[in-house]
Amino acid sequence: MKKSVFFGALTVAGLTAGAAAAATLDDVKARGQLNCGVTTGLVGFAAPDANGNWEGFDVGVCRAVAAAVLGDASAVEFVPTTGKTRFTALASGEVDMLARNTTWTFSRDVDLKFEFTGINYYDGQGFMVPKALGVSSAKELDGATVCIQTGTTTELNLADYFRSNNISYEPVPIETNSEAQPLYLEGACDVYTTDASGLAATRAAFENPGDHVILPEIISKEPLGPLVRHGDNNWGDVVRWTLNALVAAEELGVTSANIDELANGTNNPEVNRLLGTEGTLGEMLGLDSDWAMRAIKAGGNYGELFEKNIGENTPIGLARGLNAQWTDGGLLYSPPFR
């Protein structure tokens, strides 16, 4: 008898927790808009164009989630956040998720009570210097002035690296990437350090990109990805599996060009489950059967988003590297859709 009462109590507790956990998904649906925290502006990843329309690789994640949940990839309010303000914006409920260059770390996951829902870019911290400085290694930067964004892992990694190599530096604190650019170009700092992808994006925006060198050292692991608040498991699942859908689509050969044809049914059961022609995966998330199809159509699969926004044929010029599929020597890997 005690066993059944205990089981009943657990069931009630589970139902209560389940109801509470659905809050963000319900809020987004009721609002008819996703509030997505992004960077203040990093070309290729998240930046407004001349007409004020946000574009970029991280923006693509926001639009995919909006398409999955609301059926409209444009139903997004982009909220620019700095290294200092991003976590407050998420914790306070000002944004439903962050999709900006934010590194997954122990303390952010555990102490700040956030949940990282995956990795959309495997990165590492690097250094950019003017070619005229004549430096070919970060270990030659003893005594350099360094532009550094406050409230970031970059700031902490920089201190660790210089200390472990017994060299000194003078920090020039900045809050945003756009603030760093003129300071660096005017010579207010000898070096700019941030994620290597951010350095490539920043250099691409310079009038003379060739006058600047990204040094070979990568001094950290920076797994970047979207995050949500702790305790809202259902919403975390929605964001996580939307990102996974983009990754899986590339691996399975589902593209924005062939998705409508494949949605008529294929001989591959996993493609069918992904696109909702078999199974009930959408229902499990609290969405309809076409959720992943809409997410993929919003901007293409992971590879399409990468190539369009930051790939080797863009001014950013990033190779896939670690961000290639696991079947192609990279770390990109989606759990199965089953």
C-alpha atoms as a PDB file:
ATOM      1  CA  MET A   1       0.000   0.000   0.000  1.00  0.00           C
ATOM      2  CA  LYS A   2       2.789   2.381   0.917  1.00  0.00           C
ATOM      3  CA  LYS A   3       4.409   1.681  -2.407  1.00  0.00           C
ATOM      4  CA  SER A   4       1.345   2.761  -4.381  1.00  0.00           C
ATOM      5  CA  VAL A   5       0.890   5.906  -2.286  1.00  0.00           C
ATOM      6  CA  PHE A   6       4.550   6.809  -2.853  1.00  0.00           C
ATOM      7  CA  PHE A   7       4.137   6.155  -6.570  1.00  0.00           C
ATOM      8  CA  GLY A   8       1.030   8.357  -6.568  1.00  0.00           C
ATOM      9  CA  ALA A   9       2.914  11.177  -4.855  1.00  0.00           C
ATOM     10  CA  LEU A  10       5.690  10.920  -7.414  1.00  0.00           C
ATOM     11  CA  THR A  11       3.147  10.994 -10.225  1.00  0.00           C
ATOM     12  CA  VAL A  12       1.493  14.138  -8.856  1.00  0.00           C
ATOM     13  CA  ALA A  13       4.905  15.766  -8.347  1.00  0.00           C
ATOM     14  CA  GLY A  14       5.890  14.798 -11.867  1.00  0.00           C
ATOM     15  CA  LEU A  15       2.715  16.235 -13.349  1.00  0.00           C
ATOM     16  CA  THR A  16       3.209  19.468 -11.405  1.00  0.00           C
ATOM     17  CA  ALA A  17       6.817  19.756 -12.534  1.00  0.00           C
ATOM     18  CA  GLY A  18       5.761  18.971 -16.091  1.00  0.00           C
ATOM     19  CA  ALA A  19       3.174  21.743 -16.051  1.00  0.00           C
ATOM     20  CA  ALA A  20       5.713  24.252 -14.723  1.00  0.00           C
ATOM     21  CA  ALA A  21       8.337  23.147 -17.221  1.00  0.00           C
ATOM     22  CA  ALA A  22       6.072  23.919 -20.163  1.00  0.00           C
ATOM     23  CA  ALA A  23       6.016  27.604 -19.243  1.00  0.00           C
ATOM     24  CA  THR A  24       8.427  29.029 -21.825  1.00  0.00           C
ATOM     25  CA  LEU A  25       6.959  27.070 -24.722  1.00  0.00           C
ATOM     26  CA  ASP A  26       3.481  28.234 -23.702  1.00  0.00           C
ATOM     27  CA  ASP A  27       4.701  31.823 -23.333  1.00  0.00           C
ATOM     28  CA  VAL A  28       6.323  31.847 -26.768  1.00  0.00           C
ATOM     29  CA  LYS A  29       3.201  30.373 -28.397  1.00  0.00           C
ATOM     30  CA  ALA A  30       0.908  32.851 -26.608  1.00  0.00           C
ATOM     31  CA  ARG A  31       3.166  35.775 -27.492  1.00  0.00           C
ATOM     32  CA  GLY A  32       3.499  34.656 -31.081  1.00  0.00           C
ATOM     33  CA  GLN A  33       7.142  35.673 -31.002  1.00  0.00           C
ATOM     34  CA  LEU A  34      10.473  34.249 -29.860  1.00  0.00           C
ATOM     35  CA  ASN A  35      12.692  36.630 -27.885  1.00  0.00           C
ATOM     36  CA  CYS A  36      16.222  35.577 -28.774  1.00  0.00           C
ATOM     37  CA  GLY A  37      19.343  37.026 -27.170  1.00  0.00           C
ATOM     38  CA  VAL A  38      22.173  37.625 -29.639  1.00  0.00           C
ATOM     39  CA  THR A  39      25.471  39.487 -29.687  1.00  0.00           C
ATOM     40  CA  THR A  40      25.480  43.257 -30.215  1.00  0.00           C
ATOM     41  CA  GLY A  41      26.907  42.659 -33.668  1.00  0.00           C
ATOM     42  CA  LEU A  42      29.398  40.175 -35.114  1.00  0.00           C
ATOM     43  CA  VAL A  43      29.270  39.938 -38.898  1.00  0.00           C
ATOM     44  CA  GLY A  44      28.618  36.392 -40.065  1.00  0.00           C
ATOM     45  CA  PHE A  45      27.249  35.285 -36.698  1.00  0.00           C
ATOM     46  CA  ALA A  46      24.689  37.911 -35.712  1.00  0.00           C
ATOM     47  CA  ALA A  47      24.425  41.444 -37.057  1.00  0.00           C
ATOM     48  CA  PRO A  48      21.709  43.663 -38.565  1.00  0.00           C
ATOM     49  CA  ASP A  49      22.045  44.467 -42.275  1.00  0.00           C
ATOM     50  CA  ALA A  50      21.564  47.925 -43.794  1.00  0.00           C
ATOM     51  CA  ASN A  51      17.781  47.527 -43.471  1.00  0.00           C
ATOM     52  CA  GLY A  52      17.952  46.424 -39.849  1.00  0.00           C
ATOM     53  CA  ASN A  53      17.273  42.748 -40.624  1.00  0.00           C
ATOM     54  CA  TRP A  54      19.341  40.415 -38.461  1.00  0.00           C
ATOM     55  CA  GLU A  55      21.476  37.893 -40.320  1.00  0.00           C
ATOM     56  CA  GLY A  56      24.111  35.330 -39.422  1.00  0.00           C
ATOM     57  CA  PHE A  57      24.940  31.825 -38.281  1.00  0.00           C
ATOM     58  CA  ASP A  58      23.611  32.288 -34.714  1.00  0.00           C
ATOM     59  CA  VAL A  59      20.598  34.197 -36.039  1.00  0.00           C
ATOM     60  CA  GLY A  60      19.841  31.069 -38.089  1.00  0.00           C
ATOM     61  CA  VAL A  61      19.413  29.074 -34.859  1.00  0.00           C
ATOM     62  CA  CYS A  62      16.905  31.624 -33.522  1.00  0.00           C
ATOM     63  CA  ARG A  63      14.941  31.550 -36.778  1.00  0.00           C
ATOM     64  CA  ALA A  64      14.935  27.743 -36.838  1.00  0.00           C
ATOM     65  CA  VAL A  65      13.449  27.622 -33.324  1.00  0.00           C
ATOM     66  CA  ALA A  66      10.826  30.237 -34.243  1.00  0.00           C
ATOM     67  CA  ALA A  67       9.918  28.262 -37.358  1.00  0.00           C
ATOM     68  CA  ALA A  68       9.659  25.013 -35.381  1.00  0.00           C
ATOM     69  CA  VAL A  69       7.485  26.494 -32.629  1.00  0.00           C
ATOM     70  CA  LEU A  70       5.511  29.235 -34.384  1.00  0.00           C
ATOM     71  CA  GLY A  71       5.630  28.244 -38.030  1.00  0.00           C
ATOM     72  CA  ASP A  72       7.258  31.573 -38.899  1.00  0.00           C
ATOM     73  CA  ALA A  73      11.032  32.051 -39.099  1.00  0.00           C
ATOM     74  CA  SER A  74      10.569  35.826 -38.987  1.00  0.00           C
ATOM     75  CA  ALA A  75       8.630  35.782 -35.693  1.00  0.00           C
ATOM     76  CA  VAL A  76      11.751  36.684 -33.705  1.00  0.00           C
ATOM     77  CA  GLU A  77      12.610  39.714 -31.602  1.00  0.00           C
ATOM     78  CA  PHE A  78      16.405  39.908 -31.571  1.00  0.00           C
ATOM     79  CA  VAL A  79      17.714  41.301 -28.287  1.00  0.00           C
ATOM     80  CA  PRO A  80      21.360  42.470 -28.473  1.00  0.00           C
ATOM     81  CA  THR A  81      23.335  41.503 -25.367  1.00  0.00           C
ATOM     82  CA  THR A  82      26.916  42.068 -24.233  1.00  0.00           C
ATOM     83  CA  GLY A  83      29.216  39.706 -22.362  1.00  0.00           C
ATOM     84  CA  LYS A  84      27.991  41.323 -19.163  1.00  0.00           C
ATOM     85  CA  THR A  85      24.247  41.630 -19.862  1.00  0.00           C
ATOM     86  CA  ARG A  86      23.495  38.330 -21.639  1.00  0.00           C
ATOM     87  CA  PHE A  87      23.046  36.162 -18.545  1.00  0.00           C
ATOM     88  CA  THR A  88      20.860  38.694 -16.752  1.00  0.00           C
ATOM     89  CA  ALA A  89      18.673  38.951 -19.855  1.00  0.00           C
ATOM     90  CA  LEU A  90      18.179  35.180 -19.886  1.00  0.00           C
ATOM     91  CA  ALA A  91      17.749  34.704 -16.127  1.00  0.00           C
ATOM     92  CA  SER A  92      15.202  37.537 -15.884  1.00  0.00           C
ATOM     93  CA  GLY A  93      13.055  36.186 -18.718  1.00  0.00           C
ATOM     94  CA  GLU A  94      13.773  39.131 -21.023  1.00  0.00           C
ATOM     95  CA  VAL A  95      14.834  36.531 -23.600  1.00  0.00           C
ATOM     96  CA  ASP A  96      13.632  32.950 -24.054  1.00  0.00           C
ATOM     97  CA  MET A  97      17.046  31.689 -25.152  1.00  0.00           C
ATOM     98  CA  LEU A  98      20.531  32.916 -25.962  1.00  0.00           C
ATOM     99  CA  ALA A  99      22.034  32.181 -29.364  1.00  0.00           C
ATOM    100  CA  ARG A 100      25.263  34.122 -29.299  1.00  0.00           C
ATOM    101  CA  ASN A 101      28.934  33.240 -29.004  1.00  0.00           C
ATOM    102  CA  THR A 102      28.636  31.883 -25.448  1.00  0.00           C
ATOM    103  CA  THR A 103      30.996  29.205 -24.171  1.00  0.00           C
ATOM    104  CA  TRP A 104      29.621  26.189 -22.333  1.00  0.00           C
ATOM    105  CA  THR A 105      31.485  26.018 -19.015  1.00  0.00           C
ATOM    106  CA  PHE A 106      30.959  24.231 -15.702  1.00  0.00           C
ATOM    107  CA  SER A 107      30.114  27.362 -13.706  1.00  0.00           C
ATOM    108  CA  ARG A 108      27.686  28.737 -16.281  1.00  0.00           C
ATOM    109  CA  ASP A 109      25.906  25.411 -16.492  1.00  0.00           C
ATOM    110  CA  VAL A 110      25.874  24.687 -12.746  1.00  0.00           C
ATOM    111  CA  ASP A 111      26.378  27.876 -10.729  1.00  0.00           C
ATOM    112  CA  LEU A 112      24.514  30.328 -12.997  1.00  0.00           C
ATOM    113  CA  LYS A 113      21.667  27.811 -13.425  1.00  0.00           C
ATOM    114  CA  PHE A 114      21.578  27.681 -17.205  1.00  0.00           C
ATOM    115  CA  GLU A 115      21.227  24.721 -19.518  1.00  0.00           C
ATOM    116  CA  PHE A 116      23.301  24.531 -22.676  1.00  0.00           C
ATOM    117  CA  THR A 117      21.295  22.726 -25.319  1.00  0.00           C
ATOM    118  CA  GLY A 118      24.156  21.744 -27.597  1.00  0.00           C
ATOM    119  CA  ILE A 119      27.174  23.091 -29.466  1.00  0.00           C
ATOM    120  CA  ASN A 120      26.691  24.891 -32.749  1.00  0.00           C
ATOM    121  CA  TYR A 121      30.325  25.992 -33.116  1.00  0.00           C
ATOM    122  CA  TYR A 122      33.495  24.410 -31.736  1.00  0.00           C
ATOM    123  CA  ASP A 123      35.891  27.289 -31.231  1.00  0.00           C
ATOM    124  CA  GLY A 124      39.038  28.328 -29.391  1.00  0.00           C
ATOM    125  CA  GLN A 125      40.530  31.640 -28.294  1.00  0.00           C
ATOM    126  CA  GLY A 126      43.100  33.291 -30.517  1.00  0.00           C
ATOM    127  CA  PHE A 127      45.007  36.544 -31.009  1.00  0.00           C
ATOM    128  CA  MET A 128      44.998  39.117 -33.811  1.00  0.00           C
ATOM    129  CA  VAL A 129      47.795  41.650 -34.310  1.00  0.00           C
ATOM    130  CA  PRO A 130      48.710  44.179 -36.980  1.00  0.00           C
ATOM    131  CA  LYS A 131      51.115  42.636 -39.482  1.00  0.00           C
ATOM    132  CA  ALA A 132      53.354  45.672 -38.928  1.00  0.00           C
ATOM    133  CA  LEU A 133      53.946  44.554 -35.328  1.00  0.00           C
ATOM    134  CA  GLY A 134      56.167  41.793 -36.713  1.00  0.00           C
ATOM    135  CA  VAL A 135      54.939  39.155 -34.273  1.00  0.00           C
ATOM    136  CA  SER A 136      54.481  35.531 -35.324  1.00  0.00           C
ATOM    137  CA  SER A 137      53.581  33.908 -31.989  1.00  0.00           C
ATOM    138  CA  ALA A 138      51.472  34.816 -28.957  1.00  0.00           C
ATOM    139  CA  LYS A 139      54.507  34.019 -26.812  1.00  0.00           C
ATOM    140  CA  GLU A 140      56.182  37.131 -28.250  1.00  0.00           C
ATOM    141  CA  LEU A 141      53.516  39.417 -26.753  1.00  0.00           C
ATOM    142  CA  ASP A 142      55.268  40.175 -23.440  1.00  0.00           C
ATOM    143  CA  GLY A 143      54.244  43.657 -22.286  1.00  0.00           C
ATOM    144  CA  ALA A 144      51.570  44.053 -24.981  1.00  0.00           C
ATOM    145  CA  THR A 145      48.345  45.989 -24.497  1.00  0.00           C
ATOM    146  CA  VAL A 146      45.394  43.677 -25.152  1.00  0.00           C
ATOM    147  CA  CYS A 147      41.803  44.619 -26.005  1.00  0.00           C
ATOM    148  CA  ILE A 148      39.608  42.206 -24.069  1.00  0.00           C
ATOM    149  CA  GLN A 149      35.836  41.904 -23.608  1.00  0.00           C
ATOM    150  CA  THR A 150      34.888  41.961 -19.949  1.00  0.00           C
ATOM    151  CA  GLY A 151      32.644  39.327 -18.394  1.00  0.00           C
ATOM    152  CA  THR A 152      33.875  36.614 -20.752  1.00  0.00           C
ATOM    153  CA  THR A 153      35.850  33.381 -20.625  1.00  0.00           C
ATOM    154  CA  THR A 154      38.273  35.202 -22.935  1.00  0.00           C
ATOM    155  CA  GLU A 155      39.261  37.494 -20.080  1.00  0.00           C
ATOM    156  CA  LEU A 156      40.017  34.561 -17.770  1.00  0.00           C
ATOM    157  CA  ASN A 157      41.838  32.500 -20.434  1.00  0.00           C
ATOM    158  CA  LEU A 158      44.064  35.462 -21.271  1.00  0.00           C
ATOM    159  CA  ALA A 159      45.185  35.808 -17.647  1.00  0.00           C
ATOM    160  CA  ASP A 160      45.842  32.047 -17.419  1.00  0.00           C
ATOM    161  CA  TYR A 161      47.833  31.938 -20.664  1.00  0.00           C
ATOM    162  CA  PHE A 162      50.095  34.878 -19.910  1.00  0.00           C
ATOM    163  CA  ARG A 163      50.667  33.679 -16.365  1.00  0.00           C
ATOM    164  CA  SER A 164      51.559  30.129 -17.431  1.00  0.00           C
ATOM    165  CA  ASN A 165      53.993  31.505 -20.030  1.00  0.00           C
ATOM    166  CA  ASN A 166      55.503  33.962 -17.530  1.00  0.00           C
ATOM    167  CA  ILE A 167      54.771  37.004 -19.680  1.00  0.00           C
ATOM    168  CA  SER A 168      52.919  40.199 -18.815  1.00  0.00           C
ATOM    169  CA  TYR A 169      50.224  42.245 -20.520  1.00  0.00           C
ATOM    170  CA  GLU A 170      48.170  45.369 -19.973  1.00  0.00           C
ATOM    171  CA  PRO A 171      44.418  44.831 -20.435  1.00  0.00           C
ATOM    172  CA  VAL A 172      42.303  47.375 -22.314  1.00  0.00           C
ATOM    173  CA  PRO A 173      38.761  46.489 -21.161  1.00  0.00           C
ATOM    174  CA  ILE A 174      35.933  46.762 -23.680  1.00  0.00           C
ATOM    175  CA  GLU A 175      32.292  45.626 -23.564  1.00  0.00           C
ATOM    176  CA  THR A 176      31.450  44.858 -27.189  1.00  0.00           C
ATOM    177  CA  ASN A 177      33.153  43.765 -30.381  1.00  0.00           C
ATOM    178  CA  SER A 178      32.129  47.006 -32.106  1.00  0.00           C
ATOM    179  CA  GLU A 179      33.864  48.961 -29.342  1.00  0.00           C
ATOM    180  CA  ALA A 180      37.042  46.924 -29.786  1.00  0.00           C
ATOM    181  CA  GLN A 181      37.403  47.479 -33.528  1.00  0.00           C
ATOM    182  CA  PRO A 182      38.186  51.215 -33.579  1.00  0.00           C
ATOM    183  CA  LEU A 183      40.406  50.952 -30.485  1.00  0.00           C
ATOM    184  CA  TYR A 184      42.444  48.170 -32.060  1.00  0.00           C
ATOM    185  CA  LEU A 185      42.670  49.921 -35.444  1.00  0.00           C
ATOM    186  CA  GLU A 186      43.694  53.210 -33.795  1.00  0.00           C
ATOM    187  CA  GLY A 187      46.490  51.439 -31.916  1.00  0.00           C
ATOM    188  CA  ALA A 188      44.946  51.787 -28.458  1.00  0.00           C
ATOM    189  CA  CYS A 189      45.855  48.106 -28.030  1.00  0.00           C
ATOM    190  CA  ASP A 190      48.521  45.995 -29.717  1.00  0.00           C
ATOM    191  CA  VAL A 191      46.413  42.845 -29.690  1.00  0.00           C
ATOM    192  CA  TYR A 192      42.778  41.863 -29.897  1.00  0.00           C
ATOM    193  CA  THR A 193      41.840  38.520 -28.380  1.00  0.00           C
ATOM    194  CA  THR A 194      38.543  36.653 -28.609  1.00  0.00           C
ATOM    195  CA  ASP A 195      37.265  33.408 -30.119  1.00  0.00           C
ATOM    196  CA  ALA A 196      39.109  32.672 -33.365  1.00  0.00           C
ATOM    197  CA  SER A 197      35.821  32.774 -35.291  1.00  0.00           C
ATOM    198  CA  GLY A 198      35.163  36.249 -33.871  1.00  0.00           C
ATOM    199  CA  LEU A 199      38.632  37.396 -34.925  1.00  0.00           C
ATOM    200  CA  ALA A 200      37.998  36.158 -38.480  1.00  0.00           C
ATOM    201  CA  ALA A 201      34.646  37.963 -38.561  1.00  0.00           C
ATOM    202  CA  THR A 202      36.150  41.158 -37.140  1.00  0.00           C
ATOM    203  CA  ARG A 203      39.098  41.144 -39.567  1.00  0.00           C
ATOM    204  CA  ALA A 204      36.754  40.562 -42.523  1.00  0.00           C
ATOM    205  CA  ALA A 205      34.993  43.841 -41.698  1.00  0.00           C
ATOM    206  CA  PHE A 206      38.247  45.875 -41.819  1.00  0.00           C
ATOM    207  CA  GLU A 207      39.030  48.082 -44.808  1.00  0.00           C
ATOM    208  CA  ASN A 208      42.365  46.281 -45.226  1.00  0.00           C
ATOM    209  CA  PRO A 209      41.999  42.779 -43.739  1.00  0.00           C
ATOM    210  CA  GLY A 210      45.388  41.719 -45.124  1.00  0.00           C
ATOM    211  CA  ASP A 211      47.152  44.161 -42.787  1.00  0.00           C
ATOM    212  CA  HIS A 212      46.234  41.974 -39.813  1.00  0.00           C
ATOM    213  CA  VAL A 213      47.391  38.527 -38.762  1.00  0.00           C
ATOM    214  CA  ILE A 214      45.651  35.920 -36.630  1.00  0.00           C
ATOM    215  CA  LEU A 215      48.428  34.196 -34.686  1.00  0.00           C
ATOM    216  CA  PRO A 216      48.663  30.378 -34.750  1.00  0.00           C
ATOM    217  CA  GLU A 217      48.066  29.754 -31.045  1.00  0.00           C
ATOM    218  CA  ILE A 218      44.623  28.564 -29.949  1.00  0.00           C
ATOM    219  CA  ILE A 219      44.748  28.740 -26.167  1.00  0.00           C
ATOM    220  CA  SER A 220      41.405  27.298 -25.073  1.00  0.00           C
ATOM    221  CA  LYS A 221      38.398  25.146 -25.829  1.00  0.00           C
ATOM    222  CA  GLU A 222      35.359  27.322 -26.560  1.00  0.00           C
ATOM    223  CA  PRO A 223      32.316  25.143 -27.275  1.00  0.00           C
ATOM    224  CA  LEU A 224      29.708  27.725 -28.281  1.00  0.00           C
ATOM    225  CA  GLY A 225      26.018  27.012 -28.239  1.00  0.00           C
ATOM    226  CA  PRO A 226      22.479  28.092 -27.412  1.00  0.00           C
ATOM    227  CA  LEU A 227      21.297  28.061 -23.804  1.00  0.00           C
ATOM    228  CA  VAL A 228      18.088  28.318 -21.803  1.00  0.00           C
ATOM    229  CA  ARG A 229      17.177  28.601 -18.135  1.00  0.00           C
ATOM    230  CA  HIS A 230      17.454  25.644 -15.759  1.00  0.00           C
ATOM    231  CA  GLY A 231      14.239  23.907 -14.794  1.00  0.00           C
ATOM    232  CA  ASP A 232      12.353  24.315 -18.062  1.00  0.00           C
ATOM    233  CA  ASN A 233      13.147  20.893 -19.458  1.00  0.00           C
ATOM    234  CA  ASN A 234      10.515  20.853 -22.184  1.00  0.00           C
ATOM    235  CA  TRP A 235      11.702  24.175 -23.611  1.00  0.00           C
ATOM    236  CA  GLY A 236      15.284  22.951 -23.394  1.00  0.00           C
ATOM    237  CA  ASP A 237      14.265  19.898 -25.414  1.00  0.00           C
ATOM    238  CA  VAL A 238      12.662  22.093 -28.090  1.00  0.00           C
ATOM    239  CA  VAL A 239      15.805  24.201 -28.542  1.00  0.00           C
ATOM    240  CA  ARG A 240      18.153  21.178 -28.291  1.00  0.00           C
ATOM    241  CA  TRP A 241      16.320  19.062 -30.832  1.00  0.00           C
ATOM    242  CA  THR A 242      15.850  21.966 -33.231  1.00  0.00           C
ATOM    243  CA  LEU A 243      19.640  22.358 -33.311  1.00  0.00           C
ATOM    244  CA  ASN A 244      19.994  18.571 -33.632  1.00  0.00           C
ATOM    245  CA  ALA A 245      17.537  18.628 -36.539  1.00  0.00           C
ATOM    246  CA  LEU A 246      19.788  21.025 -38.465  1.00  0.00           C
ATOM    247  CA  VAL A 247      22.836  18.845 -37.796  1.00  0.00           C
ATOM    248  CA  ALA A 248      21.056  15.565 -38.586  1.00  0.00           C
ATOM    249  CA  ALA A 249      19.588  17.006 -41.773  1.00  0.00           C
ATOM    250  CA  GLU A 250      23.048  17.660 -43.179  1.00  0.00           C
ATOM    251  CA  GLU A 251      24.248  14.171 -42.271  1.00  0.00           C
ATOM    252  CA  LEU A 252      21.142  12.592 -43.798  1.00  0.00           C
ATOM    253  CA  GLY A 253      21.343  14.656 -46.993  1.00  0.00           C
ATOM    254  CA  VAL A 254      18.222  16.728 -46.306  1.00  0.00           C
ATOM    255  CA  THR A 255      18.607  20.231 -47.761  1.00  0.00           C
ATOM    256  CA  SER A 256      16.417  23.262 -48.334  1.00  0.00           C
ATOM    257  CA  ALA A 257      16.365  22.272 -52.011  1.00  0.00           C
ATOM    258  CA  ASN A 258      15.155  18.673 -51.628  1.00  0.00           C
ATOM    259  CA  ILE A 259      13.195  18.743 -48.373  1.00  0.00           C
ATOM    260  CA  ASP A 260       9.755  19.120 -49.974  1.00  0.00           C
ATOM    261  CA  GLU A 261      10.378  16.099 -52.174  1.00  0.00           C
ATOM    262  CA  LEU A 262      11.735  14.028 -49.256  1.00  0.00           C
ATOM    263  CA  ALA A 263       8.722  14.975 -47.140  1.00  0.00           C
ATOM    264  CA  ASN A 264       6.611  12.835 -49.469  1.00  0.00           C
ATOM    265  CA  GLY A 265       8.327   9.828 -47.879  1.00  0.00           C
ATOM    266  CA  THR A 266      11.651   8.045 -48.356  1.00  0.00           C
ATOM    267  CA  ASN A 267      13.185   4.615 -47.844  1.00  0.00           C
ATOM    268  CA  ASN A 268      15.167   5.968 -44.885  1.00  0.00           C
ATOM    269  CA  PRO A 269      13.098   5.649 -41.673  1.00  0.00           C
ATOM    270  CA  GLU A 270      15.202   8.252 -39.828  1.00  0.00           C
ATOM    271  CA  VAL A 271      14.597  10.852 -42.542  1.00  0.00           C
ATOM    272  CA  ASN A 272      10.893  10.066 -42.323  1.00  0.00           C
ATOM    273  CA  ARG A 273      10.893  10.464 -38.535  1.00  0.00           C
ATOM    274  CA  LEU A 274      12.851  13.726 -38.814  1.00  0.00           C
ATOM    275  CA  LEU A 275      10.400  15.150 -41.342  1.00  0.00           C
ATOM    276  CA  GLY A 276       7.327  13.873 -39.515  1.00  0.00           C
ATOM    277  CA  THR A 277       6.018  11.403 -42.085  1.00  0.00           C
ATOM    278  CA  GLU A 278       6.547   8.568 -39.569  1.00  0.00           C
ATOM    279  CA  GLY A 279       6.320   8.448 -35.799  1.00  0.00           C
ATOM    280  CA  THR A 280       5.188  11.032 -33.244  1.00  0.00           C
ATOM    281  CA  LEU A 281       8.367  12.963 -32.386  1.00  0.00           C
ATOM    282  CA  GLY A 282       6.679  16.348 -32.750  1.00  0.00           C
ATOM    283  CA  GLU A 283       3.913  15.350 -30.386  1.00  0.00           C
ATOM    284  CA  MET A 284       6.497  14.366 -27.777  1.00  0.00           C
ATOM    285  CA  LEU A 285       7.859  17.944 -27.877  1.00  0.00           C
ATOM    286  CA  GLY A 286       4.434  19.562 -27.737  1.00  0.00           C
ATOM    287  CA  LEU A 287       4.738  20.564 -31.406  1.00  0.00           C
ATOM    288  CA  ASP A 288       3.169  19.318 -34.619  1.00  0.00           C
ATOM    289  CA  SER A 289       4.680  16.746 -36.967  1.00  0.00           C
ATOM    290  CA  ASP A 290       6.248  19.323 -39.330  1.00  0.00           C
ATOM    291  CA  TRP A 291       8.295  21.174 -36.689  1.00  0.00           C
ATOM    292  CA  ALA A 292      11.723  19.943 -37.854  1.00  0.00           C
ATOM    293  CA  MET A 293      10.845  20.380 -41.516  1.00  0.00           C
ATOM    294  CA  ARG A 294      10.034  24.045 -40.869  1.00  0.00           C
ATOM    295  CA  ALA A 295      13.246  24.500 -38.848  1.00  0.00           C
ATOM    296  CA  ILE A 296      15.354  23.143 -41.701  1.00  0.00           C
ATOM    297  CA  LYS A 297      13.513  25.175 -44.342  1.00  0.00           C
ATOM    298  CA  ALA A 298      14.053  28.386 -42.347  1.00  0.00           C
ATOM    299  CA  GLY A 299      17.684  28.699 -43.419  1.00  0.00           C
ATOM    300  CA  GLY A 300      18.813  25.285 -44.564  1.00  0.00           C
ATOM    301  CA  ASN A 301      20.573  22.500 -42.719  1.00  0.00           C
ATOM    302  CA  TYR A 302      23.660  23.083 -40.548  1.00  0.00           C
ATOM    303  CA  GLY A 303      26.028  22.926 -43.513  1.00  0.00           C
ATOM    304  CA  GLU A 304      23.949  25.361 -45.547  1.00  0.00           C
ATOM    305  CA  LEU A 305      23.832  27.833 -42.640  1.00  0.00           C
ATOM    306  CA  PHE A 306      27.586  27.510 -42.178  1.00  0.00           C
ATOM    307  CA  GLU A 307      28.503  27.998 -45.836  1.00  0.00           C
ATOM    308  CA  LYS A 308      26.107  30.907 -46.355  1.00  0.00           C
ATOM    309  CA  ASN A 309      27.186  32.898 -43.310  1.00  0.00           C
ATOM    310  CA  ILE A 310      30.754  32.053 -42.298  1.00  0.00           C
ATOM    311  CA  GLY A 311      32.123  29.474 -44.762  1.00  0.00           C
ATOM    312  CA  GLU A 312      35.200  29.609 -46.952  1.00  0.00           C
ATOM    313  CA  ASN A 313      33.376  31.421 -49.770  1.00  0.00           C
ATOM    314  CA  THR A 314      32.282  34.278 -47.482  1.00  0.00           C
ATOM    315  CA  PRO A 315      34.398  37.225 -46.302  1.00  0.00           C
ATOM    316  CA  ILE A 316      34.685  35.454 -42.910  1.00  0.00           C
ATOM    317  CA  GLY A 317      36.347  32.498 -44.656  1.00  0.00           C
ATOM    318  CA  LEU A 318      36.119  29.808 -41.976  1.00  0.00           C
ATOM    319  CA  ALA A 319      36.919  26.205 -42.850  1.00  0.00           C
ATOM    320  CA  ARG A 320      34.644  23.551 -41.359  1.00  0.00           C
ATOM    321  CA  GLY A 321      37.483  22.025 -39.310  1.00  0.00           C
ATOM    322  CA  LEU A 322      36.116  20.658 -36.027  1.00  0.00           C
ATOM    323  CA  ASN A 323      32.667  21.784 -37.174  1.00  0.00           C
ATOM    324  CA  ALA A 324      32.548  19.191 -39.940  1.00  0.00           C
ATOM    325  CA  GLN A 325      30.256  16.203 -39.556  1.00  0.00           C
ATOM    326  CA  TRP A 326      31.645  13.284 -37.535  1.00  0.00           C
ATOM    327  CA  THR A 327      31.592  11.278 -40.770  1.00  0.00           C
ATOM    328  CA  ASP A 328      33.990  13.843 -42.292  1.00  0.00           C
ATOM    329  CA  GLY A 329      36.587  14.161 -39.542  1.00  0.00           C
ATOM    330  CA  GLY A 330      34.764  16.738 -37.400  1.00  0.00           C
ATOM    331  CA  LEU A 331      32.973  16.723 -34.047  1.00  0.00           C
ATOM    332  CA  LEU A 332      29.459  17.412 -35.320  1.00  0.00           C
ATOM    333  CA  TYR A 333      27.156  14.621 -34.222  1.00  0.00           C
ATOM    334  CA  SER A 334      23.428  14.485 -33.591  1.00  0.00           C
ATOM    335  CA  PRO A 335      21.828  11.800 -31.416  1.00  0.00           C
ATOM    336  CA  PRO A 336      19.392   9.626 -33.397  1.00  0.00           C
ATOM    337  CA  PHE A 337      15.874  10.761 -34.268  1.00  0.00           C
ATOM    338  CA  ARG A 338      14.047   7.691 -33.060  1.00  0.00           C
END
